[in-house]
N, C-alpha and C. Protein backbone atom coordinates (compact mmCIF):
# COMPACT_ATOMS: atom_id res chain seq x y z
N MET A 1 11.67 -9.91 -6.93
CA MET A 1 10.62 -9.98 -7.46
C MET A 1 10.47 -9.46 -8.84
N ASN A 2 9.85 -10.64 -9.88
CA ASN A 2 9.92 -10.43 -10.88
C ASN A 2 8.66 -10.10 -11.72
N GLN A 3 7.65 -9.76 -10.72
CA GLN A 3 6.26 -9.47 -11.37
C GLN A 3 5.62 -8.11 -11.02
N ASN A 4 5.01 -7.46 -11.94
CA ASN A 4 4.51 -6.17 -11.79
C ASN A 4 3.37 -6.32 -11.00
N GLY A 5 3.15 -5.15 -10.34
CA GLY A 5 1.70 -5.43 -9.52
C GLY A 5 2.03 -4.46 -8.02
N LYS A 6 1.01 -4.68 -7.15
CA LYS A 6 1.14 -3.88 -6.03
C LYS A 6 2.29 -4.26 -5.20
N ILE A 7 2.76 -3.59 -4.50
CA ILE A 7 3.94 -3.75 -3.52
C ILE A 7 3.33 -3.49 -2.21
N GLU A 8 3.12 -4.53 -1.36
CA GLU A 8 2.60 -4.50 0.13
C GLU A 8 3.49 -4.14 0.78
N LEU A 9 3.14 -3.49 2.13
CA LEU A 9 3.98 -3.21 3.30
C LEU A 9 4.48 -4.46 3.97
N ASP A 10 5.96 -4.74 4.16
CA ASP A 10 6.54 -5.75 4.82
C ASP A 10 6.67 -7.09 3.63
N SER A 11 6.16 -6.81 2.67
CA SER A 11 6.27 -7.93 1.90
C SER A 11 7.90 -8.01 1.41
N PRO A 12 8.37 -9.27 1.09
CA PRO A 12 9.84 -9.49 0.84
C PRO A 12 10.24 -8.46 -0.18
N PHE A 13 9.63 -7.89 -1.05
CA PHE A 13 10.11 -7.05 -1.89
C PHE A 13 10.03 -5.52 -1.26
N GLY A 14 9.11 -5.34 -0.49
CA GLY A 14 8.72 -3.98 0.21
C GLY A 14 9.68 -3.84 1.11
N LYS A 15 10.33 -5.07 1.88
CA LYS A 15 11.38 -4.89 3.00
C LYS A 15 12.77 -4.51 2.49
N LYS A 16 12.81 -5.04 1.09
CA LYS A 16 14.10 -5.00 0.15
C LYS A 16 14.04 -3.30 -0.02
N LEU A 17 12.94 -2.65 -0.13
CA LEU A 17 13.04 -1.08 -0.48
C LEU A 17 12.83 -0.45 0.67
N GLY A 18 12.75 -0.96 1.94
CA GLY A 18 12.61 -0.48 2.91
C GLY A 18 11.16 0.27 3.21
N PHE A 19 10.33 -0.30 2.65
CA PHE A 19 8.69 -0.09 2.63
C PHE A 19 7.95 -0.90 3.57
N THR A 20 8.39 -0.21 4.78
CA THR A 20 7.92 -1.42 5.86
C THR A 20 6.99 -0.61 6.93
N SER A 21 5.90 -1.43 7.64
CA SER A 21 4.92 -0.69 8.20
C SER A 21 5.19 0.01 9.61
N ASP A 22 6.37 0.01 10.07
CA ASP A 22 6.89 0.88 11.02
C ASP A 22 7.14 2.15 10.53
N LYS A 23 7.36 2.33 9.36
CA LYS A 23 7.50 3.86 8.74
C LYS A 23 6.29 4.38 7.80
N PHE A 24 5.44 3.31 7.16
CA PHE A 24 4.59 4.05 6.33
C PHE A 24 3.45 3.31 6.40
N ASP A 25 2.35 3.64 5.80
CA ASP A 25 1.02 3.04 5.18
C ASP A 25 0.52 3.35 3.89
N GLY A 26 0.10 2.16 3.40
CA GLY A 26 -0.30 2.32 2.09
C GLY A 26 0.17 1.45 1.25
N TYR A 27 0.64 1.31 -0.15
CA TYR A 27 1.26 0.72 -0.88
C TYR A 27 1.81 1.55 -2.20
N LEU A 28 2.85 0.51 -2.73
CA LEU A 28 3.67 1.09 -4.00
C LEU A 28 3.14 0.19 -4.90
N TRP A 29 3.31 0.43 -6.59
CA TRP A 29 3.01 -0.30 -7.49
C TRP A 29 4.20 -0.70 -8.51
N ARG A 30 4.50 -1.71 -8.82
CA ARG A 30 5.69 -2.04 -9.70
C ARG A 30 5.14 -2.34 -11.30
N LYS A 31 5.76 -1.30 -12.19
CA LYS A 31 5.57 -1.75 -13.67
C LYS A 31 6.68 -1.93 -14.29
N GLY A 32 7.11 -3.02 -14.61
CA GLY A 32 8.62 -2.75 -15.33
C GLY A 32 9.47 -2.24 -14.18
N LYS A 33 10.53 -1.17 -14.88
CA LYS A 33 11.59 -0.73 -14.09
C LYS A 33 11.18 0.58 -13.42
N ASP A 34 9.58 0.88 -13.39
CA ASP A 34 9.08 1.98 -12.78
C ASP A 34 8.46 1.48 -11.30
N ILE A 35 8.86 2.13 -10.16
CA ILE A 35 8.07 1.96 -8.88
C ILE A 35 7.20 3.19 -8.76
N TYR A 36 5.90 3.03 -8.64
CA TYR A 36 4.84 4.00 -8.62
C TYR A 36 4.83 4.28 -7.19
N ILE A 37 4.54 5.42 -6.79
CA ILE A 37 4.50 5.92 -5.27
C ILE A 37 2.86 6.32 -5.33
N SER A 38 2.10 5.10 -5.26
CA SER A 38 0.53 5.33 -5.48
C SER A 38 -0.01 6.01 -4.25
N PHE A 39 0.02 5.54 -3.15
CA PHE A 39 -0.58 5.75 -2.18
C PHE A 39 0.23 5.63 -0.86
N ILE A 40 1.10 6.34 -0.24
CA ILE A 40 1.56 6.10 1.05
C ILE A 40 1.75 7.40 2.01
N VAL A 41 1.71 7.04 3.31
CA VAL A 41 1.83 7.89 4.16
C VAL A 41 2.78 7.68 5.12
N SER A 42 3.61 8.86 5.24
CA SER A 42 4.72 8.72 6.30
C SER A 42 4.09 8.43 7.81
N LEU A 43 4.55 7.79 8.45
CA LEU A 43 4.13 7.67 9.93
C LEU A 43 4.85 8.52 10.83
N ASN A 44 5.92 8.63 10.26
CA ASN A 44 6.87 9.41 11.25
C ASN A 44 7.48 10.56 10.13
N GLU A 45 6.71 11.72 10.09
CA GLU A 45 7.46 12.95 9.14
C GLU A 45 8.47 13.39 9.92
N ASN A 46 9.33 14.13 8.72
CA ASN A 46 10.46 14.74 9.05
C ASN A 46 11.45 13.96 9.43
N GLN A 47 11.42 12.27 9.18
CA GLN A 47 12.56 11.39 9.92
C GLN A 47 13.41 11.19 8.49
N GLY A 48 13.17 11.81 7.49
CA GLY A 48 13.92 11.05 6.38
C GLY A 48 13.52 9.80 5.78
N ASN A 49 12.58 9.11 5.99
CA ASN A 49 12.03 8.00 5.80
C ASN A 49 11.69 8.06 4.10
N LEU A 50 10.85 9.21 3.61
CA LEU A 50 10.62 9.02 2.20
C LEU A 50 12.03 9.13 1.37
N SER A 51 12.79 10.11 1.92
CA SER A 51 14.17 10.36 1.06
C SER A 51 14.97 8.99 1.03
N LYS A 52 14.80 8.17 2.29
CA LYS A 52 15.66 6.71 2.27
C LYS A 52 15.06 5.82 1.12
N LEU A 53 13.44 5.91 1.26
CA LEU A 53 12.85 4.98 0.19
C LEU A 53 13.30 5.28 -1.14
N PHE A 54 13.14 6.68 -1.47
CA PHE A 54 13.44 7.09 -3.11
C PHE A 54 14.91 6.47 -3.05
N ASP A 55 15.83 7.00 -2.05
CA ASP A 55 17.30 6.44 -2.47
C ASP A 55 17.33 5.01 -2.80
N ARG A 56 16.53 4.06 -2.05
CA ARG A 56 16.77 2.82 -1.92
C ARG A 56 15.88 2.23 -3.24
N ILE A 57 14.99 2.88 -3.70
CA ILE A 57 14.52 2.50 -5.25
C ILE A 57 15.39 2.65 -6.27
N LEU A 58 16.05 4.03 -6.22
CA LEU A 58 16.91 4.19 -7.22
C LEU A 58 18.47 3.32 -7.16
N GLU A 59 18.75 3.11 -5.94
CA GLU A 59 19.77 2.32 -5.78
C GLU A 59 19.75 0.93 -6.58
N LEU A 60 18.43 0.41 -6.27
CA LEU A 60 18.31 -1.10 -7.01
C LEU A 60 17.99 -0.91 -8.55
N GLY A 61 18.09 0.38 -8.94
CA GLY A 61 17.94 0.39 -10.33
C GLY A 61 16.36 0.76 -10.94
N TYR A 62 15.73 1.22 -10.15
CA TYR A 62 14.31 1.36 -10.71
C TYR A 62 14.06 2.84 -10.66
N ASN A 63 12.88 3.27 -11.62
CA ASN A 63 12.76 4.81 -11.65
C ASN A 63 11.42 4.92 -10.63
N ILE A 64 11.32 6.24 -10.08
CA ILE A 64 10.02 6.58 -9.41
C ILE A 64 9.27 7.27 -9.91
N LYS A 65 8.07 7.11 -10.00
CA LYS A 65 7.04 7.89 -10.65
C LYS A 65 5.71 8.27 -9.67
N VAL A 66 5.36 9.44 -9.58
CA VAL A 66 4.06 9.60 -8.58
C VAL A 66 3.08 10.26 -9.14
N PRO A 67 2.02 9.63 -9.56
CA PRO A 67 0.93 10.28 -10.15
C PRO A 67 0.16 11.32 -9.20
N THR A 68 -0.19 12.04 -9.84
CA THR A 68 -1.09 13.26 -9.27
C THR A 68 -0.58 13.76 -7.90
N PRO A 69 0.87 14.17 -7.52
CA PRO A 69 0.76 14.54 -6.22
C PRO A 69 0.21 15.80 -5.69
N LEU A 70 -0.11 15.87 -4.41
CA LEU A 70 -0.87 16.78 -4.28
C LEU A 70 -0.05 17.56 -2.90
N GLY A 71 -0.15 18.77 -2.31
CA GLY A 71 0.40 19.42 -1.21
C GLY A 71 1.58 19.34 -1.17
N LYS A 72 1.98 18.94 0.10
CA LYS A 72 3.41 18.71 0.41
C LYS A 72 4.23 17.63 -0.19
N MET A 73 3.61 16.59 -1.03
CA MET A 73 4.32 15.65 -1.65
C MET A 73 4.81 16.25 -3.04
N ARG A 74 4.06 17.34 -3.72
CA ARG A 74 4.57 18.05 -4.77
C ARG A 74 5.62 18.62 -4.56
N LEU A 75 5.55 19.48 -3.20
CA LEU A 75 6.64 20.15 -3.06
C LEU A 75 8.22 19.30 -2.83
N ILE A 76 7.62 18.31 -2.19
CA ILE A 76 8.94 17.27 -2.04
C ILE A 76 9.39 17.16 -3.23
N LEU A 77 8.66 16.59 -4.18
CA LEU A 77 9.05 16.25 -5.71
C LEU A 77 9.81 17.34 -6.37
N MET A 78 9.27 18.42 -6.35
CA MET A 78 10.07 19.79 -6.75
C MET A 78 11.55 19.87 -6.53
N LYS A 79 11.66 19.73 -5.17
CA LYS A 79 12.78 19.95 -4.32
C LYS A 79 13.83 18.74 -4.91
N LYS A 80 13.24 17.73 -5.04
CA LYS A 80 14.10 16.50 -5.23
C LYS A 80 14.76 16.39 -6.79
N GLY A 81 13.94 17.33 -7.76
CA GLY A 81 14.48 17.18 -9.03
C GLY A 81 13.28 16.38 -9.83
N PHE A 82 12.32 16.19 -9.54
CA PHE A 82 11.51 15.24 -10.11
C PHE A 82 11.07 16.02 -11.41
N ARG A 83 10.48 15.43 -12.42
CA ARG A 83 9.99 16.07 -13.58
C ARG A 83 8.64 15.62 -14.02
N ARG A 84 8.03 16.79 -14.15
CA ARG A 84 6.25 16.47 -14.45
C ARG A 84 6.16 16.06 -16.06
N ASN A 85 5.37 14.89 -16.20
CA ASN A 85 5.14 14.38 -17.45
C ASN A 85 3.83 14.01 -17.25
N TRP A 86 3.32 13.61 -18.43
CA TRP A 86 1.97 12.83 -18.36
C TRP A 86 1.90 11.51 -19.36
N GLU A 87 0.96 10.65 -18.43
CA GLU A 87 0.83 9.45 -19.28
C GLU A 87 -0.48 8.74 -19.37
N TYR A 88 -0.66 7.91 -20.26
CA TYR A 88 -2.01 7.86 -20.41
C TYR A 88 -2.25 6.16 -19.66
N ASP A 89 -3.38 6.39 -18.97
CA ASP A 89 -3.88 5.05 -18.15
C ASP A 89 -5.36 4.68 -18.85
N LYS A 90 -5.51 3.57 -19.01
CA LYS A 90 -6.57 3.00 -19.76
C LYS A 90 -7.95 3.16 -18.99
N ARG A 91 -7.75 3.19 -17.63
CA ARG A 91 -8.84 3.58 -16.56
C ARG A 91 -9.19 5.36 -16.36
N PHE A 92 -8.13 5.64 -16.67
CA PHE A 92 -8.16 7.12 -16.11
C PHE A 92 -7.86 8.25 -16.98
N GLY A 93 -7.42 7.76 -18.25
CA GLY A 93 -7.11 8.48 -19.36
C GLY A 93 -5.91 9.22 -19.04
N LYS A 94 -5.60 10.46 -19.56
CA LYS A 94 -4.34 11.36 -19.44
C LYS A 94 -4.15 11.76 -17.74
N VAL A 95 -2.89 11.06 -17.03
CA VAL A 95 -2.68 11.45 -15.82
C VAL A 95 -1.22 12.05 -15.58
N GLU A 96 -1.42 13.13 -14.63
CA GLU A 96 0.05 13.78 -14.31
C GLU A 96 0.94 12.79 -13.57
N VAL A 97 2.00 12.49 -14.03
CA VAL A 97 3.03 11.83 -13.25
C VAL A 97 4.10 12.58 -13.04
N TRP A 98 4.72 12.43 -12.11
CA TRP A 98 6.08 13.11 -11.74
C TRP A 98 7.11 12.03 -11.58
N GLU A 99 8.02 12.13 -12.37
CA GLU A 99 9.26 11.04 -12.09
C GLU A 99 10.67 11.63 -12.00
N LEU A 100 11.47 10.41 -11.62
CA LEU A 100 12.75 10.48 -11.35
C LEU A 100 13.50 9.62 -11.70
N THR A 101 14.31 9.38 -12.54
CA THR A 101 15.01 8.03 -13.23
C THR A 101 16.12 7.84 -12.35
N LYS A 102 16.54 6.62 -12.54
CA LYS A 102 17.83 6.32 -11.91
C LYS A 102 18.85 7.03 -12.68
N ASN A 103 18.91 7.49 -13.85
CA ASN A 103 19.91 8.34 -14.64
C ASN A 103 19.99 9.67 -14.24
N GLU A 104 19.13 9.95 -13.42
CA GLU A 104 18.75 11.69 -13.45
C GLU A 104 19.54 11.95 -11.75
N CYS A 105 19.36 10.89 -11.07
CA CYS A 105 19.77 11.17 -9.76
C CYS A 105 21.12 11.67 -9.46
N GLY A 106 21.50 12.52 -8.65
CA GLY A 106 22.90 12.98 -8.20
C GLY A 106 23.66 12.13 -7.43
């Protein structure tokens, strides 16, 4: 996939990432070398599917960004070493974004 935009469940690029409807609901977003975890729900929590998704995204050379994470997701990101930053969005203004780059992963 050479295009920016929404990554749908079970799409060819989604499947390449492991973003499939048997594991998740929602969507991802690609912007250059960044994959945004915009809105996803794990269908089977505590099975490692989110960790596998993160690992695959990094393995393919992309950075992971999570805008305004809440609750459990924020705790997961802190545990995994994501850094809190801010980005400007034309629509929403200043947005909190947590990120992990391919160069930062252990």
